[in-house]
PDB file of N, CA and C in Angstrom:
ATOM      1  N   MET A   1     115.215  75.554 103.339  1.00  0.00           N
ATOM      2  CA  MET A   1     114.137  76.391 102.922  1.00  0.00           C
ATOM      3  C   MET A   1     114.051  76.481 101.540  1.00  0.00           C
ATOM      4  N   ALA A   2     113.365  76.230 100.274  1.00  0.00           N
ATOM      5  CA  ALA A   2     113.170  76.617  98.935  1.00  0.00           C
ATOM      6  C   ALA A   2     112.923  77.770  98.810  1.00  0.00           C
ATOM      7  N   GLU A   3     113.604  78.529  97.949  1.00  0.00           N
ATOM      8  CA  GLU A   3     113.651  79.595  97.332  1.00  0.00           C
ATOM      9  C   GLU A   3     112.331  80.027  96.476  1.00  0.00           C
ATOM     10  N   ARG A   4     111.338  80.959  96.908  1.00  0.00           N
ATOM     11  CA  ARG A   4     110.054  80.869  95.915  1.00  0.00           C
ATOM     12  C   ARG A   4     109.903  82.073  95.028  1.00  0.00           C
ATOM     13  N   GLU A   5     110.342  82.049  93.791  1.00  0.00           N
ATOM     14  CA  GLU A   5     110.038  83.083  93.061  1.00  0.00           C
ATOM     15  C   GLU A   5     108.738  83.451  92.461  1.00  0.00           C
ATOM     16  N   ASP A   6     107.357  83.035  92.827  1.00  0.00           N
ATOM     17  CA  ASP A   6     106.322  83.513  92.845  1.00  0.00           C
ATOM     18  C   ASP A   6     105.954  84.352  94.085  1.00  0.00           C
ATOM     19  N   ASP A   7     106.153  85.710  93.987  1.00  0.00           N
ATOM     20  CA  ASP A   7     105.580  86.529  94.714  1.00  0.00           C
ATOM     21  C   ASP A   7     104.377  86.615  95.590  1.00  0.00           C
ATOM     22  N   GLU A   8     103.574  86.014  94.537  1.00  0.00           N
ATOM     23  CA  GLU A   8     102.071  85.516  95.258  1.00  0.00           C
ATOM     24  C   GLU A   8     102.004  84.791  96.231  1.00  0.00           C
ATOM     25  N   LEU A   9     102.906  83.834  96.726  1.00  0.00           N
ATOM     26  CA  LEU A   9     103.026  83.075  97.556  1.00  0.00           C
ATOM     27  C   LEU A   9     103.933  83.555  99.167  1.00  0.00           C
ATOM     28  N   SER A  10     103.941  85.039  99.134  1.00  0.00           N
ATOM     29  CA  SER A  10     104.489  85.838 100.278  1.00  0.00           C
ATOM     30  C   SER A  10     103.571  86.790 100.878  1.00  0.00           C
ATOM     31  N   ILE A  11     104.152  86.753 101.930  1.00  0.00           N
ATOM     32  CA  ILE A  11     103.374  87.911 102.738  1.00  0.00           C
ATOM     33  C   ILE A  11     103.706  89.474 101.924  1.00  0.00           C
ATOM     34  N   PRO A  12     103.093  90.335 101.904  1.00  0.00           N
ATOM     35  CA  PRO A  12     103.130  91.540 100.983  1.00  0.00           C
ATOM     36  C   PRO A  12     104.256  92.450 102.430  1.00  0.00           C
ATOM     37  N   ARG A  13     105.382  93.061 101.456  1.00  0.00           N
ATOM     38  CA  ARG A  13     106.279  93.404 102.251  1.00  0.00           C
ATOM     39  C   ARG A  13     105.559  94.535 103.252  1.00  0.00           C
ATOM     40  N   ALA A  14     104.673  95.382 102.758  1.00  0.00           N
ATOM     41  CA  ALA A  14     104.249  96.666 103.272  1.00  0.00           C
ATOM     42  C   ALA A  14     103.710  95.825 104.717  1.00  0.00           C
ATOM     43  N   ALA A  15     103.222  95.131 104.536  1.00  0.00           N
ATOM     44  CA  ALA A  15     102.272  94.839 106.040  1.00  0.00           C
ATOM     45  C   ALA A  15     103.411  94.048 106.967  1.00  0.00           C
ATOM     46  N   LEU A  16     104.416  93.652 106.483  1.00  0.00           N
ATOM     47  CA  LEU A  16     105.357  92.549 107.099  1.00  0.00           C
ATOM     48  C   LEU A  16     106.277  94.408 107.907  1.00  0.00           C
ATOM     49  N   ASN A  17     106.398  95.145 107.354  1.00  0.00           N
ATOM     50  CA  ASN A  17     107.281  96.245 107.406  1.00  0.00           C
ATOM     51  C   ASN A  17     106.252  96.987 108.830  1.00  0.00           C
ATOM     52  N   LYS A  18     105.060  96.745 108.509  1.00  0.00           N
ATOM     53  CA  LYS A  18     103.806  97.625 109.390  1.00  0.00           C
ATOM     54  C   LYS A  18     103.803  97.081 110.702  1.00  0.00           C
ATOM     55  N   MET A  19     104.095  95.607 110.597  1.00  0.00           N
ATOM     56  CA  MET A  19     103.965  94.668 112.102  1.00  0.00           C
ATOM     57  C   MET A  19     105.020  95.089 112.842  1.00  0.00           C
ATOM     58  N   ILE A  20     106.596  94.904 112.008  1.00  0.00           N
ATOM     59  CA  ILE A  20     107.532  95.158 112.698  1.00  0.00           C
ATOM     60  C   ILE A  20     107.424  96.664 113.364  1.00  0.00           C
ATOM     61  N   LYS A  21     107.304  97.459 112.545  1.00  0.00           N
ATOM     62  CA  LYS A  21     107.186  98.801 113.076  1.00  0.00           C
ATOM     63  C   LYS A  21     106.142  99.137 114.325  1.00  0.00           C
ATOM     64  N   GLU A  22     105.101  98.237 114.377  1.00  0.00           N
ATOM     65  CA  GLU A  22     103.973  98.262 115.503  1.00  0.00           C
ATOM     66  C   GLU A  22     104.655  97.433 116.528  1.00  0.00           C
ATOM     67  N   LEU A  23     105.543  96.371 116.531  1.00  0.00           N
ATOM     68  CA  LEU A  23     105.845  95.475 117.705  1.00  0.00           C
ATOM     69  C   LEU A  23     107.205  96.034 118.136  1.00  0.00           C
ATOM     70  N   LEU A  24     107.933  96.657 117.103  1.00  0.00           N
ATOM     71  CA  LEU A  24     109.366  97.054 117.658  1.00  0.00           C
ATOM     72  C   LEU A  24     109.645  98.743 117.070  1.00  0.00           C
ATOM     73  N   PRO A  25     108.639  99.564 117.647  1.00  0.00           N
ATOM     74  CA  PRO A  25     108.775 101.010 117.307  1.00  0.00           C
ATOM     75  C   PRO A  25     109.917 102.155 117.505  1.00  0.00           C
ATOM     76  N   ASN A  26     110.896 101.238 118.383  1.00  0.00           N
ATOM     77  CA  ASN A  26     111.971 102.168 118.626  1.00  0.00           C
ATOM     78  C   ASN A  26     113.283 101.253 118.138  1.00  0.00           C
ATOM     79  N   ILE A  27     113.028 100.291 117.593  1.00  0.00           N
ATOM     80  CA  ILE A  27     114.359  99.377 116.926  1.00  0.00           C
ATOM     81  C   ILE A  27     114.211  99.448 115.220  1.00  0.00           C
ATOM     82  N   ARG A  28     115.727  99.520 114.623  1.00  0.00           N
ATOM     83  CA  ARG A  28     115.899  99.307 113.367  1.00  0.00           C
ATOM     84  C   ARG A  28     116.256  98.105 113.056  1.00  0.00           C
ATOM     85  N   VAL A  29     115.367  97.636 112.199  1.00  0.00           N
ATOM     86  CA  VAL A  29     115.461  96.588 111.592  1.00  0.00           C
ATOM     87  C   VAL A  29     116.223  96.338 110.149  1.00  0.00           C
ATOM     88  N   ALA A  30     117.417  95.754 110.002  1.00  0.00           N
ATOM     89  CA  ALA A  30     118.047  95.850 108.665  1.00  0.00           C
ATOM     90  C   ALA A  30     117.430  95.055 107.463  1.00  0.00           C
ATOM     91  N   ASN A  31     117.213  95.583 106.596  1.00  0.00           N
ATOM     92  CA  ASN A  31     116.558  94.955 105.105  1.00  0.00           C
ATOM     93  C   ASN A  31     116.747  93.332 105.136  1.00  0.00           C
ATOM     94  N   ASP A  32     118.130  92.914 105.507  1.00  0.00           N
ATOM     95  CA  ASP A  32     117.842  91.369 105.138  1.00  0.00           C
ATOM     96  C   ASP A  32     117.482  90.928 106.105  1.00  0.00           C
ATOM     97  N   SER A  33     117.368  91.266 107.381  1.00  0.00           N
ATOM     98  CA  SER A  33     116.652  90.904 108.470  1.00  0.00           C
ATOM     99  C   SER A  33     115.157  90.588 108.405  1.00  0.00           C
ATOM    100  N   ARG A  34     114.540  91.688 107.637  1.00  0.00           N
ATOM    101  CA  ARG A  34     113.372  91.916 107.247  1.00  0.00           C
ATOM    102  C   ARG A  34     113.022  90.924 106.094  1.00  0.00           C
ATOM    103  N   ASP A  35     113.990  90.721 105.294  1.00  0.00           N
ATOM    104  CA  ASP A  35     113.904  89.507 104.165  1.00  0.00           C
ATOM    105  C   ASP A  35     113.638  88.220 104.908  1.00  0.00           C
ATOM    106  N   LEU A  36     114.857  88.110 106.156  1.00  0.00           N
ATOM    107  CA  LEU A  36     114.535  86.793 106.546  1.00  0.00           C
ATOM    108  C   LEU A  36     113.484  86.406 107.383  1.00  0.00           C
ATOM    109  N   VAL A  37     113.010  87.202 108.101  1.00  0.00           N
ATOM    110  CA  VAL A  37     111.829  87.136 108.868  1.00  0.00           C
ATOM    111  C   VAL A  37     110.323  86.763 107.622  1.00  0.00           C
ATOM    112  N   LEU A  38     110.394  87.860 106.641  1.00  0.00           N
ATOM    113  CA  LEU A  38     109.653  87.198 105.817  1.00  0.00           C
ATOM    114  C   LEU A  38     109.130  86.057 105.145  1.00  0.00           C
ATOM    115  N   ASN A  39     110.690  85.424 104.932  1.00  0.00           N
ATOM    116  CA  ASN A  39     110.667  83.798 104.486  1.00  0.00           C
ATOM    117  C   ASN A  39     110.283  82.852 105.283  1.00  0.00           C
ATOM    118  N   CYS A  40     110.814  83.394 106.674  1.00  0.00           N
ATOM    119  CA  CYS A  40     110.254  82.372 107.833  1.00  0.00           C
ATOM    120  C   CYS A  40     108.920  82.502 107.935  1.00  0.00           C
ATOM    121  N   CYS A  41     108.259  83.619 107.650  1.00  0.00           N
ATOM    122  CA  CYS A  41     106.654  83.880 107.909  1.00  0.00           C
ATOM    123  C   CYS A  41     105.950  83.020 107.114  1.00  0.00           C
ATOM    124  N   THR A  42     106.636  83.437 105.501  1.00  0.00           N
ATOM    125  CA  THR A  42     106.226  82.506 104.517  1.00  0.00           C
ATOM    126  C   THR A  42     106.090  81.194 104.600  1.00  0.00           C
ATOM    127  N   GLU A  43     107.106  80.667 105.005  1.00  0.00           N
ATOM    128  CA  GLU A  43     107.411  79.008 105.179  1.00  0.00           C
ATOM    129  C   GLU A  43     106.496  78.315 106.617  1.00  0.00           C
ATOM    130  N   PHE A  44     106.313  79.192 107.404  1.00  0.00           N
ATOM    131  CA  PHE A  44     105.579  78.950 108.486  1.00  0.00           C
ATOM    132  C   PHE A  44     104.273  78.610 108.034  1.00  0.00           C
ATOM    133  N   ILE A  45     103.577  79.743 107.243  1.00  0.00           N
ATOM    134  CA  ILE A  45     102.293  79.722 106.726  1.00  0.00           C
ATOM    135  C   ILE A  45     102.174  78.317 105.836  1.00  0.00           C
ATOM    136  N   HIS A  46     103.047  77.966 104.893  1.00  0.00           N
ATOM    137  CA  HIS A  46     102.910  77.074 104.061  1.00  0.00           C
ATOM    138  C   HIS A  46     103.032  75.917 104.673  1.00  0.00           C
ATOM    139  N   LEU A  47     103.871  75.541 105.687  1.00  0.00           N
ATOM    140  CA  LEU A  47     104.025  74.163 106.753  1.00  0.00           C
ATOM    141  C   LEU A  47     102.851  73.805 107.383  1.00  0.00           C
ATOM    142  N   VAL A  48     101.822  75.318 107.919  1.00  0.00           N
ATOM    143  CA  VAL A  48     100.901  75.015 108.805  1.00  0.00           C
ATOM    144  C   VAL A  48      99.923  74.461 107.987  1.00  0.00           C
ATOM    145  N   SER A  49      99.271  75.245 106.966  1.00  0.00           N
ATOM    146  CA  SER A  49      98.671  75.244 105.794  1.00  0.00           C
ATOM    147  C   SER A  49      98.565  73.816 105.249  1.00  0.00           C
ATOM    148  N   SER A  50      99.764  73.500 104.601  1.00  0.00           N
ATOM    149  CA  SER A  50      99.830  72.314 104.139  1.00  0.00           C
ATOM    150  C   SER A  50      99.494  70.825 105.162  1.00  0.00           C
ATOM    151  N   GLU A  51      99.804  70.864 106.502  1.00  0.00           N
ATOM    152  CA  GLU A  51      99.541  70.202 107.473  1.00  0.00           C
ATOM    153  C   GLU A  51      97.994  70.166 107.709  1.00  0.00           C
ATOM    154  N   ALA A  52      97.808  71.335 107.957  1.00  0.00           N
ATOM    155  CA  ALA A  52      96.244  71.600 108.100  1.00  0.00           C
ATOM    156  C   ALA A  52      95.249  71.042 106.944  1.00  0.00           C
ATOM    157  N   ASN A  53      95.633  71.031 105.384  1.00  0.00           N
ATOM    158  CA  ASN A  53      94.900  70.314 104.367  1.00  0.00           C
ATOM    159  C   ASN A  53      95.172  68.878 104.623  1.00  0.00           C
ATOM    160  N   GLU A  54      96.158  68.428 105.115  1.00  0.00           N
ATOM    161  CA  GLU A  54      96.315  66.981 104.869  1.00  0.00           C
ATOM    162  C   GLU A  54      95.256  66.417 105.880  1.00  0.00           C
ATOM    163  N   ILE A  55      95.394  67.052 107.115  1.00  0.00           N
ATOM    164  CA  ILE A  55      93.975  66.290 108.284  1.00  0.00           C
ATOM    165  C   ILE A  55      92.864  67.077 107.809  1.00  0.00           C
ATOM    166  N   CYS A  56      92.488  67.610 106.837  1.00  0.00           N
ATOM    167  CA  CYS A  56      91.154  67.954 106.204  1.00  0.00           C
ATOM    168  C   CYS A  56      90.898  66.943 105.412  1.00  0.00           C
ATOM    169  N   VAL A  57      91.899  66.604 104.841  1.00  0.00           N
ATOM    170  CA  VAL A  57      91.643  65.543 103.384  1.00  0.00           C
ATOM    171  C   VAL A  57      91.649  64.190 104.088  1.00  0.00           C
ATOM    172  N   LYS A  58      92.227  63.649 105.328  1.00  0.00           N
ATOM    173  CA  LYS A  58      92.102  62.317 105.982  1.00  0.00           C
ATOM    174  C   LYS A  58      90.604  62.566 106.743  1.00  0.00           C
ATOM    175  N   GLN A  59      89.780  63.741 106.968  1.00  0.00           N
ATOM    176  CA  GLN A  59      88.783  63.637 107.596  1.00  0.00           C
ATOM    177  C   GLN A  59      87.765  63.620 106.324  1.00  0.00           C
ATOM    178  N   GLN A  60      88.387  63.724 105.293  1.00  0.00           N
ATOM    179  CA  GLN A  60      87.297  63.553 104.143  1.00  0.00           C
ATOM    180  C   GLN A  60      86.479  64.808 104.130  1.00  0.00           C
ATOM    181  N   LYS A  61      87.112  65.944 104.457  1.00  0.00           N
ATOM    182  CA  LYS A  61      86.495  67.506 104.392  1.00  0.00           C
ATOM    183  C   LYS A  61      86.739  67.813 103.171  1.00  0.00           C
ATOM    184  N   LYS A  62      86.319  69.269 102.652  1.00  0.00           N
ATOM    185  CA  LYS A  62      86.328  69.775 101.603  1.00  0.00           C
ATOM    186  C   LYS A  62      87.027  71.091 101.951  1.00  0.00           C
ATOM    187  N   THR A  63      86.689  71.614 103.359  1.00  0.00           N
ATOM    188  CA  THR A  63      87.174  72.875 103.429  1.00  0.00           C
ATOM    189  C   THR A  63      88.175  72.635 105.011  1.00  0.00           C
ATOM    190  N   ILE A  64      89.359  73.687 105.060  1.00  0.00           N
ATOM    191  CA  ILE A  64      90.197  73.792 105.900  1.00  0.00           C
ATOM    192  C   ILE A  64      89.312  74.445 107.182  1.00  0.00           C
ATOM    193  N   SER A  65      89.097  73.694 108.366  1.00  0.00           N
ATOM    194  CA  SER A  65      88.260  74.515 109.091  1.00  0.00           C
ATOM    195  C   SER A  65      89.760  75.210 110.409  1.00  0.00           C
ATOM    196  N   PRO A  66      89.040  75.938 111.288  1.00  0.00           N
ATOM    197  CA  PRO A  66      90.284  76.530 112.301  1.00  0.00           C
ATOM    198  C   PRO A  66      90.568  75.279 113.116  1.00  0.00           C
ATOM    199  N   GLU A  67      89.661  74.379 113.453  1.00  0.00           N
ATOM    200  CA  GLU A  67      90.137  73.160 114.019  1.00  0.00           C
ATOM    201  C   GLU A  67      91.170  72.585 113.637  1.00  0.00           C
ATOM    202  N   HIS A  68      91.202  72.360 111.890  1.00  0.00           N
ATOM    203  CA  HIS A  68      92.426  71.907 111.304  1.00  0.00           C
ATOM    204  C   HIS A  68      93.686  72.422 111.679  1.00  0.00           C
ATOM    205  N   VAL A  69      93.677  73.556 111.648  1.00  0.00           N
ATOM    206  CA  VAL A  69      95.066  74.411 111.688  1.00  0.00           C
ATOM    207  C   VAL A  69      95.205  74.401 113.372  1.00  0.00           C
ATOM    208  N   LEU A  70      94.297  74.215 114.446  1.00  0.00           N
ATOM    209  CA  LEU A  70      94.772  74.196 115.648  1.00  0.00           C
ATOM    210  C   LEU A  70      95.761  72.679 115.688  1.00  0.00           C
ATOM    211  N   ILE A  71      95.108  71.716 115.069  1.00  0.00           N
ATOM    212  CA  ILE A  71      95.623  70.516 115.299  1.00  0.00           C
ATOM    213  C   ILE A  71      97.031  70.371 114.716  1.00  0.00           C
ATOM    214  N   ALA A  72      97.057  71.067 113.076  1.00  0.00           N
ATOM    215  CA  ALA A  72      98.034  71.145 112.673  1.00  0.00           C
ATOM    216  C   ALA A  72      99.373  71.682 113.500  1.00  0.00           C
ATOM    217  N   LEU A  73      98.810  72.859 114.287  1.00  0.00           N
ATOM    218  CA  LEU A  73      99.587  73.366 114.900  1.00  0.00           C
ATOM    219  C   LEU A  73     100.575  72.316 116.121  1.00  0.00           C
ATOM    220  N   GLU A  74      99.688  71.910 116.477  1.00  0.00           N
ATOM    221  CA  GLU A  74      99.810  70.500 117.740  1.00  0.00           C
ATOM    222  C   GLU A  74     100.842  69.491 116.916  1.00  0.00           C
ATOM    223  N   ASN A  75     100.422  69.058 115.868  1.00  0.00           N
ATOM    224  CA  ASN A  75     101.000  68.185 115.214  1.00  0.00           C
ATOM    225  C   ASN A  75     102.710  68.446 115.018  1.00  0.00           C
ATOM    226  N   LEU A  76     103.021  69.768 114.394  1.00  0.00           N
ATOM    227  CA  LEU A  76     103.870  70.403 114.019  1.00  0.00           C
ATOM    228  C   LEU A  76     104.601  70.674 115.166  1.00  0.00           C
ATOM    229  N   GLY A  77     104.580  70.720 116.425  1.00  0.00           N
ATOM    230  CA  GLY A  77     105.226  71.137 117.400  1.00  0.00           C
ATOM    231  C   GLY A  77     105.039  72.402 117.903  1.00  0.00           C
ATOM    232  N   PHE A  78     104.420  73.142 117.498  1.00  0.00           N
ATOM    233  CA  PHE A  78     103.702  74.463 117.821  1.00  0.00           C
ATOM    234  C   PHE A  78     102.362  74.371 118.767  1.00  0.00           C
ATOM    235  N   GLY A  79     102.303  73.498 119.592  1.00  0.00           N
ATOM    236  CA  GLY A  79     101.174  73.430 120.685  1.00  0.00           C
ATOM    237  C   GLY A  79     101.090  74.870 121.631  1.00  0.00           C
ATOM    238  N   SER A  80     102.082  75.171 121.719  1.00  0.00           N
ATOM    239  CA  SER A  80     102.558  76.714 122.269  1.00  0.00           C
ATOM    240  C   SER A  80     101.567  77.953 121.754  1.00  0.00           C
ATOM    241  N   TYR A  81     101.553  77.490 120.683  1.00  0.00           N
ATOM    242  CA  TYR A  81     100.843  78.808 120.056  1.00  0.00           C
ATOM    243  C   TYR A  81      99.400  78.371 120.131  1.00  0.00           C
ATOM    244  N   LYS A  82      98.699  77.425 120.565  1.00  0.00           N
ATOM    245  CA  LYS A  82      97.117  76.974 120.209  1.00  0.00           C
ATOM    246  C   LYS A  82      96.403  77.952 120.982  1.00  0.00           C
ATOM    247  N   ALA A  83      96.976  78.266 122.045  1.00  0.00           N
ATOM    248  CA  ALA A  83      96.094  79.270 122.996  1.00  0.00           C
ATOM    249  C   ALA A  83      95.922  80.767 122.494  1.00  0.00           C
ATOM    250  N   GLU A  84      96.982  81.072 122.093  1.00  0.00           N
ATOM    251  CA  GLU A  84      97.038  82.600 121.345  1.00  0.00           C
ATOM    252  C   GLU A  84      95.855  82.084 119.997  1.00  0.00           C
ATOM    253  N   ALA A  85      96.101  81.403 119.390  1.00  0.00           N
ATOM    254  CA  ALA A  85      95.559  80.883 117.952  1.00  0.00           C
ATOM    255  C   ALA A  85      94.080  81.042 118.656  1.00  0.00           C
ATOM    256  N   GLN A  86      93.438  80.446 119.458  1.00  0.00           N
ATOM    257  CA  GLN A  86      92.234  80.387 119.621  1.00  0.00           C
ATOM    258  C   GLN A  86      91.785  81.643 120.119  1.00  0.00           C
ATOM    259  N   ALA A  87      92.424  82.452 121.058  1.00  0.00           N
ATOM    260  CA  ALA A  87      91.874  83.785 121.358  1.00  0.00           C
ATOM    261  C   ALA A  87      91.569  84.567 120.283  1.00  0.00           C
ATOM    262  N   VAL A  88      92.675  84.405 118.970  1.00  0.00           N
ATOM    263  CA  VAL A  88      92.667  85.608 117.990  1.00  0.00           C
ATOM    264  C   VAL A  88      91.159  84.934 116.943  1.00  0.00           C
ATOM    265  N   LEU A  89      90.860  83.672 117.030  1.00  0.00           N
ATOM    266  CA  LEU A  89      89.867  83.086 116.458  1.00  0.00           C
ATOM    267  C   LEU A  89      88.534  83.681 117.086  1.00  0.00           C
ATOM    268  N   GLN A  90      88.538  83.658 118.675  1.00  0.00           N
ATOM    269  CA  GLN A  90      87.583  84.131 118.799  1.00  0.00           C
ATOM    270  C   GLN A  90      87.148  85.727 118.632  1.00  0.00           C
ATOM    271  N   GLN A  91      88.097  86.706 118.882  1.00  0.00           N
ATOM    272  CA  GLN A  91      88.167  87.760 118.456  1.00  0.00           C
ATOM    273  C   GLN A  91      87.388  88.145 117.018  1.00  0.00           C
ATOM    274  N   THR A  92      88.398  87.519 116.162  1.00  0.00           N
ATOM    275  CA  THR A  92      87.902  87.412 114.557  1.00  0.00           C
ATOM    276  C   THR A  92      86.223  87.077 114.592  1.00  0.00           C
ATOM    277  N   LYS A  93      85.982  85.865 115.255  1.00  0.00           N
ATOM    278  CA  LYS A  93      84.367  85.981 115.286  1.00  0.00           C
ATOM    279  C   LYS A  93      83.550  86.479 115.834  1.00  0.00           C
ATOM    280  N   ALA A  94      83.629  87.106 116.891  1.00  0.00           N
ATOM    281  CA  ALA A  94      83.018  88.303 117.490  1.00  0.00           C
ATOM    282  C   ALA A  94      83.017  89.627 116.962  1.00  0.00           C
ATOM    283  N   PHE A  95      84.349  89.967 116.273  1.00  0.00           N
ATOM    284  CA  PHE A  95      84.212  90.907 115.017  1.00  0.00           C
ATOM    285  C   PHE A  95      83.091  90.714 113.941  1.00  0.00           C
ATOM    286  N   ALA A  96      83.236  89.362 113.580  1.00  0.00           N
ATOM    287  CA  ALA A  96      82.526  89.108 112.162  1.00  0.00           C
ATOM    288  C   ALA A  96      81.127  89.264 112.538  1.00  0.00           C
ATOM    289  N   LEU A  97      80.853  88.759 113.738  1.00  0.00           N
ATOM    290  CA  LEU A  97      79.264  89.024 114.228  1.00  0.00           C
ATOM    291  C   LEU A  97      78.673  90.071 114.503  1.00  0.00           C
ATOM    292  N   LYS A  98      79.790  91.219 114.777  1.00  0.00           N
ATOM    293  CA  LYS A  98      79.107  92.597 114.794  1.00  0.00           C
ATOM    294  C   LYS A  98      79.034  93.247 113.821  1.00  0.00           C
ATOM    295  N   LYS A  99      79.772  93.021 112.789  1.00  0.00           N
ATOM    296  CA  LYS A  99      80.033  93.275 111.842  1.00  0.00           C
ATOM    297  C   LYS A  99      78.453  92.996 111.027  1.00  0.00           C
ATOM    298  N   ARG A 100      78.241  91.831 110.879  1.00  0.00           N
ATOM    299  CA  ARG A 100      77.020  91.282 110.327  1.00  0.00           C
ATOM    300  C   ARG A 100      75.762  91.937 110.958  1.00  0.00           C
ATOM    301  N   LYS A 101      75.682  91.992 112.308  1.00  0.00           N
ATOM    302  CA  LYS A 101      74.877  92.866 113.129  1.00  0.00           C
ATOM    303  C   LYS A 101      74.271  94.012 112.729  1.00  0.00           C
ATOM    304  N   ALA A 102      75.432  94.650 112.309  1.00  0.00           N
ATOM    305  CA  ALA A 102      75.631  96.279 112.058  1.00  0.00           C
ATOM    306  C   ALA A 102      74.833  96.341 110.572  1.00  0.00           C
ATOM    307  N   SER A 103      75.106  95.451 109.635  1.00  0.00           N
ATOM    308  CA  SER A 103      74.786  95.147 108.474  1.00  0.00           C
ATOM    309  C   SER A 103      73.239  94.979 108.308  1.00  0.00           C
ATOM    310  N   THR A 104      72.991  94.129 108.845  1.00  0.00           N
ATOM    311  CA  THR A 104      71.234  94.090 109.329  1.00  0.00           C
ATOM    312  C   THR A 104      70.641  94.602 109.630  1.00  0.00           C
ATOM    313  N   LYS A 105      70.807  95.628 110.551  1.00  0.00           N
ATOM    314  CA  LYS A 105      70.036  96.429 111.212  1.00  0.00           C
ATOM    315  C   LYS A 105      69.316  97.071 110.273  1.00  0.00           C
ATOM    316  N   LEU A 106      69.798  97.869 109.486  1.00  0.00           N
ATOM    317  CA  LEU A 106      69.170  98.320 108.128  1.00  0.00           C
ATOM    318  C   LEU A 106      67.954  97.403 107.811  1.00  0.00           C
ATOM    319  N   GLU A 107      68.084  96.294 107.549  1.00  0.00           N
ATOM    320  CA  GLU A 107      67.379  94.977 106.942  1.00  0.00           C
ATOM    321  C   GLU A 107      66.203  95.036 108.155  1.00  0.00           C
ATOM    322  N   ASN A 108      66.476  95.238 109.489  1.00  0.00           N
ATOM    323  CA  ASN A 108      65.869  94.564 110.625  1.00  0.00           C
ATOM    324  C   ASN A 108      64.670  95.803 110.590  1.00  0.00           C
ATOM    325  N   LEU A 109      64.737  96.741 110.053  1.00  0.00           N
ATOM    326  CA  LEU A 109      63.582  98.097 110.058  1.00  0.00           C
ATOM    327  C   LEU A 109      62.461  97.728 109.661  1.00  0.00           C
ATOM    328  N   GLY A 110      62.398  96.826 108.613  1.00  0.00           N
ATOM    329  CA  GLY A 110      61.406  96.418 107.935  1.00  0.00           C
ATOM    330  C   GLY A 110      60.711  97.210 106.800  1.00  0.00           C
ATOM    331  N   ILE A 111      61.940  98.322 106.503  1.00  0.00           N
ATOM    332  CA  ILE A 111      61.566  99.259 105.382  1.00  0.00           C
ATOM    333  C   ILE A 111      62.020  99.256 104.322  1.00  0.00           C
ATOM    334  N   PRO A 112      61.658  99.307 103.137  1.00  0.00           N
ATOM    335  CA  PRO A 112      62.460  98.847 102.094  1.00  0.00           C
ATOM    336  C   PRO A 112      63.456 100.282 101.688  1.00  0.00           C
ATOM    337  N   GLU A 113      64.309  99.990 101.417  1.00  0.00           N
ATOM    338  CA  GLU A 113      65.212 100.779 100.989  1.00  0.00           C
ATOM    339  C   GLU A 113      65.060 101.963 100.348  1.00  0.00           C
ATOM    340  N   GLU A 114      64.108 101.717  99.262  1.00  0.00           N
ATOM    341  CA  GLU A 114      63.540 102.690  98.273  1.00  0.00           C
ATOM    342  C   GLU A 114      62.706 103.665  99.354  1.00  0.00           C
ATOM    343  N   GLU A 115      62.180 102.918 100.378  1.00  0.00           N
ATOM    344  CA  GLU A 115      61.416 104.221 100.822  1.00  0.00           C
ATOM    345  C   GLU A 115      62.342 104.799 101.909  1.00  0.00           C
ATOM    346  N   LEU A 116      63.093 104.331 102.510  1.00  0.00           N
ATOM    347  CA  LEU A 116      64.192 105.235 103.307  1.00  0.00           C
ATOM    348  C   LEU A 116      64.858 105.981 102.180  1.00  0.00           C
ATOM    349  N   PHE A 117      65.383 105.749 101.348  1.00  0.00           N
ATOM    350  CA  PHE A 117      66.035 106.703 100.205  1.00  0.00           C
ATOM    351  C   PHE A 117      64.818 108.105 100.314  1.00  0.00           C
ATOM    352  N   ARG A 118      63.390 107.717  99.770  1.00  0.00           N
ATOM    353  CA  ARG A 118      62.217 108.799  99.738  1.00  0.00           C
ATOM    354  C   ARG A 118      62.655 109.535 100.746  1.00  0.00           C
ATOM    355  N   GLN A 119      62.400 108.895 102.104  1.00  0.00           N
ATOM    356  CA  GLN A 119      62.428 109.808 103.081  1.00  0.00           C
ATOM    357  C   GLN A 119      63.658 110.702 103.821  1.00  0.00           C
ATOM    358  N   GLN A 120      64.757 109.938 103.523  1.00  0.00           N
ATOM    359  CA  GLN A 120      65.768 110.810 103.327  1.00  0.00           C
ATOM    360  C   GLN A 120      65.797 112.188 102.412  1.00  0.00           C
ATOM    361  N   GLN A 121      65.158 111.784 100.978  1.00  0.00           N
ATOM    362  CA  GLN A 121      65.157 112.848 100.424  1.00  0.00           C
ATOM    363  C   GLN A 121      63.894 113.874 100.923  1.00  0.00           C
ATOM    364  N   GLU A 122      63.255 113.642 101.617  1.00  0.00           N
ATOM    365  CA  GLU A 122      62.380 114.611 101.882  1.00  0.00           C
ATOM    366  C   GLU A 122      63.014 115.172 103.196  1.00  0.00           C
ATOM    367  N   LEU A 123      63.735 114.654 104.123  1.00  0.00           N
ATOM    368  CA  LEU A 123      64.619 115.477 105.323  1.00  0.00           C
ATOM    369  C   LEU A 123      65.753 116.728 104.323  1.00  0.00           C
ATOM    370  N   PHE A 124      66.521 115.747 103.550  1.00  0.00           N
ATOM    371  CA  PHE A 124      67.200 117.017 102.719  1.00  0.00           C
ATOM    372  C   PHE A 124      66.276 118.077 102.323  1.00  0.00           C
ATOM    373  N   ALA A 125      65.032 118.020 101.435  1.00  0.00           N
ATOM    374  CA  ALA A 125      64.408 119.182 101.024  1.00  0.00           C
ATOM    375  C   ALA A 125      64.010 120.072 101.908  1.00  0.00           C
ATOM    376  N   LYS A 126      63.840 119.744 103.391  1.00  0.00           N
ATOM    377  CA  LYS A 126      63.074 120.332 104.519  1.00  0.00           C
ATOM    378  C   LYS A 126      64.273 121.100 105.145  1.00  0.00           C
ATOM    379  N   VAL A 127      65.349 120.712 104.853  1.00  0.00           N
ATOM    380  CA  VAL A 127      66.453 121.345 105.520  1.00  0.00           C
ATOM    381  C   VAL A 127      66.993 122.577 104.582  1.00  0.00           C
ATOM    382  N   GLY A 128      67.119 122.281 102.934  1.00  0.00           N
ATOM    383  CA  GLY A 128      67.610 122.830 102.051  1.00  0.00           C
ATOM    384  C   GLY A 128      66.721 123.939 101.846  1.00  0.00           C
TER     385      GLY A 128
END
């Protein structure tokens, strides 16, 4: 594994520490072990994303899709991760859809934002 000098190509240490703490709340993990896990995670992401990119290029696509990542996992011998990756993908899509629906509720009212603001100011005036 090549040592990377550019910290931008690594997972933030605080994020890794949080994950370790959540997964192993009652276990102490030595700093050198954390560094090793961090390097392994970074290398894994690099490996999978490189393979997904190759698949994307072969299919003459410009954007790496989730399907490219799933194929990359299979190609690299990590097929056992596919089911969990697909479950996370579905959760992410559901969350994004829920977030989009929430943000469009205001738009679906059919009332301009300025009018809503005016109504809000009226209500504040009545209360105060």
